[in-house]
């Protein structure tokens, strides 16, 4: 693990519990874990994720929102394209079936 502080813990027990709920919701879907496994091989555009997961646009958008809200995925803009990448929290997919 890196020295980077986790995004799912805070100084407040209530806030930490809410963050963990968001994180667990994101991880509790086989389709979202499939997206994370694709991103485990490196950053990807929306179109690349669409092709590699076989999900339609609407379904993929929904799952990416849940993953981002659950601290598993970040997006960044590179040359007019959105690029998705795993966060430290998203890398837990390496330890899941």
PDB file of N, CA and C in Angstrom:
ATOM      1  N   UNK A   1       0.834  -1.175   0.000  1.00  0.00           N
ATOM      2  CA  UNK A   1       0.000   0.000   0.000  1.00  0.00           C
ATOM      3  C   UNK A   1       0.886   1.248   0.000  1.00  0.00           C
ATOM      4  N   UNK A   2       0.342   2.293  -0.530  1.00  0.00           N
ATOM      5  CA  UNK A   2       1.098   3.535  -0.567  1.00  0.00           C
ATOM      6  C   UNK A   2       0.907   4.304   0.732  1.00  0.00           C
ATOM      7  N   UNK A   3       1.652   5.399   0.862  1.00  0.00           N
ATOM      8  CA  UNK A   3       1.528   6.258   2.028  1.00  0.00           C
ATOM      9  C   UNK A   3       0.311   7.167   1.926  1.00  0.00           C
ATOM     10  N   UNK A   4      -0.358   7.144   0.794  1.00  0.00           N
ATOM     11  CA  UNK A   4      -1.508   7.998   0.546  1.00  0.00           C
ATOM     12  C   UNK A   4      -2.617   7.665   1.529  1.00  0.00           C
ATOM     13  N   UNK A   5      -3.186   8.694   2.156  1.00  0.00           N
ATOM     14  CA  UNK A   5      -4.277   8.498   3.113  1.00  0.00           C
ATOM     15  C   UNK A   5      -5.515   7.985   2.393  1.00  0.00           C
ATOM     16  N   UNK A   6      -6.195   7.065   3.008  1.00  0.00           N
ATOM     17  CA  UNK A   6      -7.418   6.503   2.449  1.00  0.00           C
ATOM     18  C   UNK A   6      -8.498   7.568   2.362  1.00  0.00           C
ATOM     19  N   UNK A   7      -9.278   7.500   1.299  1.00  0.00           N
ATOM     20  CA  UNK A   7     -10.396   8.418   1.138  1.00  0.00           C
ATOM     21  C   UNK A   7     -11.610   7.946   1.904  1.00  0.00           C
ATOM     22  N   UNK A   8     -11.551   6.747   2.462  1.00  0.00           N
ATOM     23  CA  UNK A   8     -12.727   6.186   3.133  1.00  0.00           C
ATOM     24  C   UNK A   8     -12.648   6.294   4.650  1.00  0.00           C
ATOM     25  N   UNK A   9     -11.698   7.040   5.172  1.00  0.00           N
ATOM     26  CA  UNK A   9     -11.639   7.253   6.616  1.00  0.00           C
ATOM     27  C   UNK A   9     -11.528   8.745   6.901  1.00  0.00           C
ATOM     28  N   UNK A  10     -12.116   9.149   8.006  1.00  0.00           N
ATOM     29  CA  UNK A  10     -12.076  10.548   8.438  1.00  0.00           C
ATOM     30  C   UNK A  10     -11.897  10.564   9.949  1.00  0.00           C
ATOM     31  N   UNK A  11     -11.914  11.744  10.518  1.00  0.00           N
ATOM     32  CA  UNK A  11     -11.830  11.875  11.979  1.00  0.00           C
ATOM     33  C   UNK A  11     -13.181  11.649  12.641  1.00  0.00           C
ATOM     34  N   UNK A  12     -14.238  11.596  11.852  1.00  0.00           N
ATOM     35  CA  UNK A  12     -15.588  11.406  12.362  1.00  0.00           C
ATOM     36  C   UNK A  12     -16.041   9.969  12.123  1.00  0.00           C
ATOM     37  N   UNK A  13     -16.488   9.317  13.187  1.00  0.00           N
ATOM     38  CA  UNK A  13     -16.950   7.937  13.059  1.00  0.00           C
ATOM     39  C   UNK A  13     -18.176   7.851  12.148  1.00  0.00           C
ATOM     40  N   UNK A  14     -19.083   8.799  12.274  1.00  0.00           N
ATOM     41  CA  UNK A  14     -20.297   8.789  11.450  1.00  0.00           C
ATOM     42  C   UNK A  14     -19.949   8.988   9.980  1.00  0.00           C
ATOM     43  N   UNK A  15     -19.084   9.936   9.700  1.00  0.00           N
ATOM     44  CA  UNK A  15     -18.681  10.181   8.313  1.00  0.00           C
ATOM     45  C   UNK A  15     -17.930   8.988   7.737  1.00  0.00           C
ATOM     46  N   UNK A  16     -17.058   8.380   8.520  1.00  0.00           N
ATOM     47  CA  UNK A  16     -16.332   7.188   8.075  1.00  0.00           C
ATOM     48  C   UNK A  16     -17.307   6.056   7.763  1.00  0.00           C
ATOM     49  N   UNK A  17     -18.312   5.880   8.595  1.00  0.00           N
ATOM     50  CA  UNK A  17     -19.318   4.845   8.359  1.00  0.00           C
ATOM     51  C   UNK A  17     -20.056   5.108   7.038  1.00  0.00           C
ATOM     52  N   UNK A  18     -20.413   6.360   6.779  1.00  0.00           N
ATOM     53  CA  UNK A  18     -21.085   6.707   5.520  1.00  0.00           C
ATOM     54  C   UNK A  18     -20.170   6.449   4.317  1.00  0.00           C
ATOM     55  N   UNK A  19     -18.896   6.781   4.438  1.00  0.00           N
ATOM     56  CA  UNK A  19     -17.937   6.525   3.365  1.00  0.00           C
ATOM     57  C   UNK A  19     -17.828   5.033   3.102  1.00  0.00           C
ATOM     58  N   UNK A  20     -17.782   4.252   4.161  1.00  0.00           N
ATOM     59  CA  UNK A  20     -17.682   2.798   4.003  1.00  0.00           C
ATOM     60  C   UNK A  20     -18.933   2.224   3.351  1.00  0.00           C
ATOM     61  N   UNK A  21     -20.087   2.773   3.669  1.00  0.00           N
ATOM     62  CA  UNK A  21     -21.322   2.324   3.009  1.00  0.00           C
ATOM     63  C   UNK A  21     -21.259   2.591   1.507  1.00  0.00           C
ATOM     64  N   UNK A  22     -20.778   3.771   1.140  1.00  0.00           N
ATOM     65  CA  UNK A  22     -20.647   4.104  -0.283  1.00  0.00           C
ATOM     66  C   UNK A  22     -19.650   3.171  -0.965  1.00  0.00           C
ATOM     67  N   UNK A  23     -18.563   2.896  -0.285  1.00  0.00           N
ATOM     68  CA  UNK A  23     -17.520   2.024  -0.833  1.00  0.00           C
ATOM     69  C   UNK A  23     -18.039   0.594  -1.013  1.00  0.00           C
ATOM     70  N   UNK A  24     -18.698   0.070   0.007  1.00  0.00           N
ATOM     71  CA  UNK A  24     -19.217  -1.298  -0.068  1.00  0.00           C
ATOM     72  C   UNK A  24     -20.303  -1.429  -1.129  1.00  0.00           C
ATOM     73  N   UNK A  25     -21.130  -0.409  -1.274  1.00  0.00           N
ATOM     74  CA  UNK A  25     -22.145  -0.430  -2.332  1.00  0.00           C
ATOM     75  C   UNK A  25     -21.467  -0.511  -3.701  1.00  0.00           C
ATOM     76  N   UNK A  26     -20.401   0.245  -3.876  1.00  0.00           N
ATOM     77  CA  UNK A  26     -19.684   0.233  -5.158  1.00  0.00           C
ATOM     78  C   UNK A  26     -19.081  -1.135  -5.442  1.00  0.00           C
ATOM     79  N   UNK A  27     -18.573  -1.792  -4.428  1.00  0.00           N
ATOM     80  CA  UNK A  27     -17.895  -3.072  -4.611  1.00  0.00           C
ATOM     81  C   UNK A  27     -18.868  -4.254  -4.671  1.00  0.00           C
ATOM     82  N   UNK A  28     -20.133  -4.032  -4.335  1.00  0.00           N
ATOM     83  CA  UNK A  28     -21.091  -5.120  -4.199  1.00  0.00           C
ATOM     84  C   UNK A  28     -21.841  -5.425  -5.500  1.00  0.00           C
ATOM     85  N   UNK A  29     -21.162  -5.345  -6.611  1.00  0.00           N
ATOM     86  CA  UNK A  29     -21.798  -5.656  -7.888  1.00  0.00           C
ATOM     87  C   UNK A  29     -20.791  -6.364  -8.794  1.00  0.00           C
ATOM     88  N   UNK A  30     -21.159  -7.509  -9.329  1.00  0.00           N
ATOM     89  CA  UNK A  30     -20.257  -8.197 -10.252  1.00  0.00           C
ATOM     90  C   UNK A  30     -19.919  -7.351 -11.487  1.00  0.00           C
ATOM     91  N   UNK A  31     -20.868  -6.547 -11.948  1.00  0.00           N
ATOM     92  CA  UNK A  31     -20.591  -5.691 -13.108  1.00  0.00           C
ATOM     93  C   UNK A  31     -19.584  -4.596 -12.769  1.00  0.00           C
ATOM     94  N   UNK A  32     -19.703  -4.020 -11.581  1.00  0.00           N
ATOM     95  CA  UNK A  32     -18.740  -2.982 -11.185  1.00  0.00           C
ATOM     96  C   UNK A  32     -17.364  -3.592 -10.942  1.00  0.00           C
ATOM     97  N   UNK A  33     -17.326  -4.794 -10.398  1.00  0.00           N
ATOM     98  CA  UNK A  33     -16.023  -5.457 -10.225  1.00  0.00           C
ATOM     99  C   UNK A  33     -15.407  -5.772 -11.588  1.00  0.00           C
ATOM    100  N   UNK A  34     -16.237  -6.082 -12.575  1.00  0.00           N
ATOM    101  CA  UNK A  34     -15.734  -6.315 -13.929  1.00  0.00           C
ATOM    102  C   UNK A  34     -15.077  -5.047 -14.481  1.00  0.00           C
ATOM    103  N   UNK A  35     -15.706  -3.901 -14.267  1.00  0.00           N
ATOM    104  CA  UNK A  35     -15.138  -2.617 -14.696  1.00  0.00           C
ATOM    105  C   UNK A  35     -13.810  -2.382 -13.991  1.00  0.00           C
ATOM    106  N   UNK A  36     -13.767  -2.654 -12.696  1.00  0.00           N
ATOM    107  CA  UNK A  36     -12.524  -2.458 -11.936  1.00  0.00           C
ATOM    108  C   UNK A  36     -11.409  -3.372 -12.443  1.00  0.00           C
ATOM    109  N   UNK A  37     -11.758  -4.590 -12.810  1.00  0.00           N
ATOM    110  CA  UNK A  37     -10.736  -5.512 -13.345  1.00  0.00           C
ATOM    111  C   UNK A  37     -10.177  -5.005 -14.670  1.00  0.00           C
ATOM    112  N   UNK A  38     -11.029  -4.418 -15.497  1.00  0.00           N
ATOM    113  CA  UNK A  38     -10.546  -3.829 -16.747  1.00  0.00           C
ATOM    114  C   UNK A  38      -9.590  -2.682 -16.427  1.00  0.00           C
ATOM    115  N   UNK A  39      -9.970  -1.832 -15.486  1.00  0.00           N
ATOM    116  CA  UNK A  39      -9.119  -0.696 -15.124  1.00  0.00           C
ATOM    117  C   UNK A  39      -7.866  -1.120 -14.377  1.00  0.00           C
ATOM    118  N   UNK A  40      -7.874  -2.318 -13.830  1.00  0.00           N
ATOM    119  CA  UNK A  40      -6.690  -2.832 -13.153  1.00  0.00           C
ATOM    120  C   UNK A  40      -5.519  -3.001 -14.123  1.00  0.00           C
ATOM    121  N   UNK A  41      -5.835  -3.112 -15.410  1.00  0.00           N
ATOM    122  CA  UNK A  41      -4.797  -3.246 -16.437  1.00  0.00           C
ATOM    123  C   UNK A  41      -4.318  -1.896 -16.951  1.00  0.00           C
ATOM    124  N   UNK A  42      -4.897  -0.812 -16.455  1.00  0.00           N
ATOM    125  CA  UNK A  42      -4.472   0.525 -16.853  1.00  0.00           C
ATOM    126  C   UNK A  42      -5.658   1.433 -17.100  1.00  0.00           C
ATOM    127  N   UNK A  43      -5.365   2.678 -17.306  1.00  0.00           N
ATOM    128  CA  UNK A  43      -6.394   3.678 -17.556  1.00  0.00           C
ATOM    129  C   UNK A  43      -7.152   3.344 -18.831  1.00  0.00           C
ATOM    130  N   UNK A  44      -8.392   3.832 -18.917  1.00  0.00           N
ATOM    131  CA  UNK A  44      -9.206   3.554 -20.102  1.00  0.00           C
ATOM    132  C   UNK A  44     -10.197   4.687 -20.338  1.00  0.00           C
ATOM    133  N   UNK A  45     -10.513   4.915 -21.594  1.00  0.00           N
ATOM    134  CA  UNK A  45     -11.560   5.866 -21.949  1.00  0.00           C
ATOM    135  C   UNK A  45     -12.914   5.191 -21.771  1.00  0.00           C
ATOM    136  N   UNK A  46     -13.961   5.988 -21.851  1.00  0.00           N
ATOM    137  CA  UNK A  46     -15.314   5.439 -21.748  1.00  0.00           C
ATOM    138  C   UNK A  46     -15.547   4.417 -22.855  1.00  0.00           C
ATOM    139  N   UNK A  47     -15.129   4.760 -24.062  1.00  0.00           N
ATOM    140  CA  UNK A  47     -15.332   3.871 -25.209  1.00  0.00           C
ATOM    141  C   UNK A  47     -14.584   2.554 -25.024  1.00  0.00           C
ATOM    142  N   UNK A  48     -13.372   2.621 -24.494  1.00  0.00           N
ATOM    143  CA  UNK A  48     -12.607   1.391 -24.238  1.00  0.00           C
ATOM    144  C   UNK A  48     -13.313   0.521 -23.197  1.00  0.00           C
ATOM    145  N   UNK A  49     -13.851   1.168 -22.163  1.00  0.00           N
ATOM    146  CA  UNK A  49     -14.584   0.415 -21.140  1.00  0.00           C
ATOM    147  C   UNK A  49     -15.843  -0.211 -21.730  1.00  0.00           C
ATOM    148  N   UNK A  50     -16.508   0.525 -22.605  1.00  0.00           N
ATOM    149  CA  UNK A  50     -17.694  -0.004 -23.274  1.00  0.00           C
ATOM    150  C   UNK A  50     -17.349  -1.270 -24.055  1.00  0.00           C
ATOM    151  N   UNK A  51     -16.277  -1.205 -24.820  1.00  0.00           N
ATOM    152  CA  UNK A  51     -15.856  -2.351 -25.637  1.00  0.00           C
ATOM    153  C   UNK A  51     -15.400  -3.531 -24.794  1.00  0.00           C
ATOM    154  N   UNK A  52     -14.650  -3.256 -23.742  1.00  0.00           N
ATOM    155  CA  UNK A  52     -14.066  -4.340 -22.950  1.00  0.00           C
ATOM    156  C   UNK A  52     -15.050  -4.981 -21.978  1.00  0.00           C
ATOM    157  N   UNK A  53     -16.081  -4.238 -21.577  1.00  0.00           N
ATOM    158  CA  UNK A  53     -17.045  -4.807 -20.632  1.00  0.00           C
ATOM    159  C   UNK A  53     -18.304  -5.319 -21.319  1.00  0.00           C
ATOM    160  N   UNK A  54     -18.591  -4.802 -22.510  1.00  0.00           N
ATOM    161  CA  UNK A  54     -19.804  -5.196 -23.210  1.00  0.00           C
ATOM    162  C   UNK A  54     -21.067  -4.527 -22.682  1.00  0.00           C
ATOM    163  N   UNK A  55     -20.901  -3.569 -21.772  1.00  0.00           N
ATOM    164  CA  UNK A  55     -22.047  -2.848 -21.218  1.00  0.00           C
ATOM    165  C   UNK A  55     -22.481  -1.738 -22.174  1.00  0.00           C
ATOM    166  N   UNK A  56     -23.791  -1.481 -22.232  1.00  0.00           N
ATOM    167  CA  UNK A  56     -24.242  -0.369 -23.067  1.00  0.00           C
ATOM    168  C   UNK A  56     -23.935   0.948 -22.358  1.00  0.00           C
ATOM    169  N   UNK A  57     -24.025   2.038 -23.101  1.00  0.00           N
ATOM    170  CA  UNK A  57     -23.621   3.354 -22.611  1.00  0.00           C
ATOM    171  C   UNK A  57     -24.315   3.745 -21.305  1.00  0.00           C
ATOM    172  N   UNK A  58     -25.628   3.597 -21.261  1.00  0.00           N
ATOM    173  CA  UNK A  58     -26.392   4.007 -20.079  1.00  0.00           C
ATOM    174  C   UNK A  58     -26.002   3.198 -18.853  1.00  0.00           C
ATOM    175  N   UNK A  59     -25.882   1.888 -19.023  1.00  0.00           N
ATOM    176  CA  UNK A  59     -25.509   1.010 -17.908  1.00  0.00           C
ATOM    177  C   UNK A  59     -24.090   1.331 -17.422  1.00  0.00           C
ATOM    178  N   UNK A  60     -23.175   1.522 -18.343  1.00  0.00           N
ATOM    179  CA  UNK A  60     -21.793   1.830 -17.975  1.00  0.00           C
ATOM    180  C   UNK A  60     -21.710   3.169 -17.248  1.00  0.00           C
ATOM    181  N   UNK A  61     -22.419   4.173 -17.733  1.00  0.00           N
ATOM    182  CA  UNK A  61     -22.423   5.486 -17.066  1.00  0.00           C
ATOM    183  C   UNK A  61     -22.883   5.353 -15.624  1.00  0.00           C
ATOM    184  N   UNK A  62     -23.974   4.607 -15.419  1.00  0.00           N
ATOM    185  CA  UNK A  62     -24.504   4.416 -14.068  1.00  0.00           C
ATOM    186  C   UNK A  62     -23.468   3.759 -13.158  1.00  0.00           C
ATOM    187  N   UNK A  63     -22.861   2.685 -13.620  1.00  0.00           N
ATOM    188  CA  UNK A  63     -21.896   1.970 -12.785  1.00  0.00           C
ATOM    189  C   UNK A  63     -20.651   2.805 -12.517  1.00  0.00           C
ATOM    190  N   UNK A  64     -20.226   3.600 -13.471  1.00  0.00           N
ATOM    191  CA  UNK A  64     -19.066   4.469 -13.241  1.00  0.00           C
ATOM    192  C   UNK A  64     -19.379   5.550 -12.206  1.00  0.00           C
ATOM    193  N   UNK A  65     -20.597   6.062 -12.223  1.00  0.00           N
ATOM    194  CA  UNK A  65     -21.003   7.047 -11.207  1.00  0.00           C
ATOM    195  C   UNK A  65     -20.955   6.419  -9.817  1.00  0.00           C
ATOM    196  N   UNK A  66     -21.479   5.213  -9.689  1.00  0.00           N
ATOM    197  CA  UNK A  66     -21.466   4.520  -8.391  1.00  0.00           C
ATOM    198  C   UNK A  66     -20.025   4.249  -7.958  1.00  0.00           C
ATOM    199  N   UNK A  67     -19.178   3.827  -8.891  1.00  0.00           N
ATOM    200  CA  UNK A  67     -17.774   3.547  -8.555  1.00  0.00           C
ATOM    201  C   UNK A  67     -17.025   4.818  -8.154  1.00  0.00           C
ATOM    202  N   UNK A  68     -17.295   5.906  -8.843  1.00  0.00           N
ATOM    203  CA  UNK A  68     -16.646   7.166  -8.488  1.00  0.00           C
ATOM    204  C   UNK A  68     -17.151   7.649  -7.130  1.00  0.00           C
ATOM    205  N   UNK A  69     -18.443   7.560  -6.905  1.00  0.00           N
ATOM    206  CA  UNK A  69     -19.030   7.959  -5.633  1.00  0.00           C
ATOM    207  C   UNK A  69     -18.540   7.073  -4.487  1.00  0.00           C
ATOM    208  N   UNK A  70     -18.139   5.852  -4.813  1.00  0.00           N
ATOM    209  CA  UNK A  70     -17.640   4.909  -3.810  1.00  0.00           C
ATOM    210  C   UNK A  70     -16.128   4.894  -3.690  1.00  0.00           C
ATOM    211  N   UNK A  71     -15.464   5.891  -4.275  1.00  0.00           N
ATOM    212  CA  UNK A  71     -14.016   6.089  -4.128  1.00  0.00           C
ATOM    213  C   UNK A  71     -13.166   5.039  -4.831  1.00  0.00           C
ATOM    214  N   UNK A  72     -13.730   4.306  -5.787  1.00  0.00           N
ATOM    215  CA  UNK A  72     -13.002   3.227  -6.459  1.00  0.00           C
ATOM    216  C   UNK A  72     -12.390   3.662  -7.782  1.00  0.00           C
ATOM    217  N   UNK A  73     -12.946   4.707  -8.384  1.00  0.00           N
ATOM    218  CA  UNK A  73     -12.530   5.163  -9.711  1.00  0.00           C
ATOM    219  C   UNK A  73     -12.412   6.680  -9.689  1.00  0.00           C
ATOM    220  N   UNK A  74     -11.425   7.180 -10.387  1.00  0.00           N
ATOM    221  CA  UNK A  74     -11.280   8.618 -10.601  1.00  0.00           C
ATOM    222  C   UNK A  74     -11.278   8.865 -12.096  1.00  0.00           C
ATOM    223  N   UNK A  75     -11.699  10.062 -12.485  1.00  0.00           N
ATOM    224  CA  UNK A  75     -11.615  10.415 -13.893  1.00  0.00           C
ATOM    225  C   UNK A  75     -10.770  11.667 -14.026  1.00  0.00           C
ATOM    226  N   UNK A  76     -10.091  11.734 -15.155  1.00  0.00           N
ATOM    227  CA  UNK A  76      -9.278  12.905 -15.454  1.00  0.00           C
ATOM    228  C   UNK A  76      -9.424  13.204 -16.936  1.00  0.00           C
ATOM    229  N   UNK A  77      -9.208  14.440 -17.278  1.00  0.00           N
ATOM    230  CA  UNK A  77      -9.328  14.841 -18.671  1.00  0.00           C
ATOM    231  C   UNK A  77      -7.940  14.885 -19.289  1.00  0.00           C
ATOM    232  N   UNK A  78      -7.786  14.183 -20.405  1.00  0.00           N
ATOM    233  CA  UNK A  78      -6.528  14.184 -21.148  1.00  0.00           C
ATOM    234  C   UNK A  78      -6.845  14.411 -22.617  1.00  0.00           C
ATOM    235  N   UNK A  79      -6.353  15.496 -23.142  1.00  0.00           N
ATOM    236  CA  UNK A  79      -6.559  15.804 -24.560  1.00  0.00           C
ATOM    237  C   UNK A  79      -8.012  15.661 -24.977  1.00  0.00           C
ATOM    238  N   UNK A  80      -8.892  16.359 -24.295  1.00  0.00           N
ATOM    239  CA  UNK A  80     -10.321  16.391 -24.627  1.00  0.00           C
ATOM    240  C   UNK A  80     -11.058  15.066 -24.407  1.00  0.00           C
ATOM    241  N   UNK A  81     -10.424  14.082 -23.784  1.00  0.00           N
ATOM    242  CA  UNK A  81     -11.081  12.807 -23.497  1.00  0.00           C
ATOM    243  C   UNK A  81     -11.068  12.562 -21.997  1.00  0.00           C
ATOM    244  N   UNK A  82     -12.133  11.928 -21.527  1.00  0.00           N
ATOM    245  CA  UNK A  82     -12.168  11.507 -20.132  1.00  0.00           C
ATOM    246  C   UNK A  82     -11.477  10.160 -20.012  1.00  0.00           C
ATOM    247  N   UNK A  83     -10.589  10.069 -19.062  1.00  0.00           N
ATOM    248  CA  UNK A  83      -9.853   8.839 -18.789  1.00  0.00           C
ATOM    249  C   UNK A  83     -10.228   8.380 -17.387  1.00  0.00           C
ATOM    250  N   UNK A  84     -10.545   7.106 -17.258  1.00  0.00           N
ATOM    251  CA  UNK A  84     -10.892   6.527 -15.963  1.00  0.00           C
ATOM    252  C   UNK A  84      -9.727   5.694 -15.462  1.00  0.00           C
ATOM    253  N   UNK A  85      -9.512   5.751 -14.135  1.00  0.00           N
ATOM    254  CA  UNK A  85      -8.435   4.965 -13.533  1.00  0.00           C
ATOM    255  C   UNK A  85      -8.853   4.506 -12.148  1.00  0.00           C
ATOM    256  N   UNK A  86      -8.217   3.438 -11.701  1.00  0.00           N
ATOM    257  CA  UNK A  86      -8.468   2.912 -10.358  1.00  0.00           C
ATOM    258  C   UNK A  86      -7.858   3.810  -9.303  1.00  0.00           C
ATOM    259  N   UNK A  87      -8.524   3.901  -8.185  1.00  0.00           N
ATOM    260  CA  UNK A  87      -7.934   4.539  -7.010  1.00  0.00           C
ATOM    261  C   UNK A  87      -7.292   3.445  -6.163  1.00  0.00           C
ATOM    262  N   UNK A  88      -6.649   3.838  -5.106  1.00  0.00           N
ATOM    263  CA  UNK A  88      -6.078   2.856  -4.180  1.00  0.00           C
ATOM    264  C   UNK A  88      -7.174   1.941  -3.640  1.00  0.00           C
ATOM    265  N   UNK A  89      -8.329   2.516  -3.319  1.00  0.00           N
ATOM    266  CA  UNK A  89      -9.443   1.721  -2.800  1.00  0.00           C
ATOM    267  C   UNK A  89      -9.968   0.739  -3.851  1.00  0.00           C
ATOM    268  N   UNK A  90      -9.963   1.132  -5.114  1.00  0.00           N
ATOM    269  CA  UNK A  90     -10.443   0.264  -6.185  1.00  0.00           C
ATOM    270  C   UNK A  90      -9.558  -0.930  -6.420  1.00  0.00           C
ATOM    271  N   UNK A  91      -8.310  -0.839  -6.014  1.00  0.00           N
ATOM    272  CA  UNK A  91      -7.370  -1.941  -6.233  1.00  0.00           C
ATOM    273  C   UNK A  91      -7.662  -3.169  -5.380  1.00  0.00           C
ATOM    274  N   UNK A  92      -8.617  -3.055  -4.461  1.00  0.00           N
ATOM    275  CA  UNK A  92      -9.023  -4.224  -3.669  1.00  0.00           C
ATOM    276  C   UNK A  92      -9.577  -5.321  -4.572  1.00  0.00           C
ATOM    277  N   UNK A  93      -9.969  -4.968  -5.787  1.00  0.00           N
ATOM    278  CA  UNK A  93     -10.493  -5.943  -6.730  1.00  0.00           C
ATOM    279  C   UNK A  93      -9.470  -7.073  -6.983  1.00  0.00           C
ATOM    280  N   UNK A  94      -8.201  -6.784  -6.752  1.00  0.00           N
ATOM    281  CA  UNK A  94      -7.163  -7.809  -6.901  1.00  0.00           C
ATOM    282  C   UNK A  94      -7.328  -8.949  -5.914  1.00  0.00           C
ATOM    283  N   UNK A  95      -8.067  -8.724  -4.858  1.00  0.00           N
ATOM    284  CA  UNK A  95      -8.218  -9.723  -3.803  1.00  0.00           C
ATOM    285  C   UNK A  95      -9.609 -10.336  -3.746  1.00  0.00           C
ATOM    286  N   UNK A  96     -10.408 -10.033  -4.758  1.00  0.00           N
ATOM    287  CA  UNK A  96     -11.782 -10.531  -4.785  1.00  0.00           C
ATOM    288  C   UNK A  96     -11.979 -11.495  -5.944  1.00  0.00           C
ATOM    289  N   UNK A  97     -12.971 -12.375  -5.797  1.00  0.00           N
ATOM    290  CA  UNK A  97     -13.302 -13.313  -6.869  1.00  0.00           C
ATOM    291  C   UNK A  97     -14.206 -12.656  -7.870  1.00  0.00           C
TER     292      UNK A  97
END
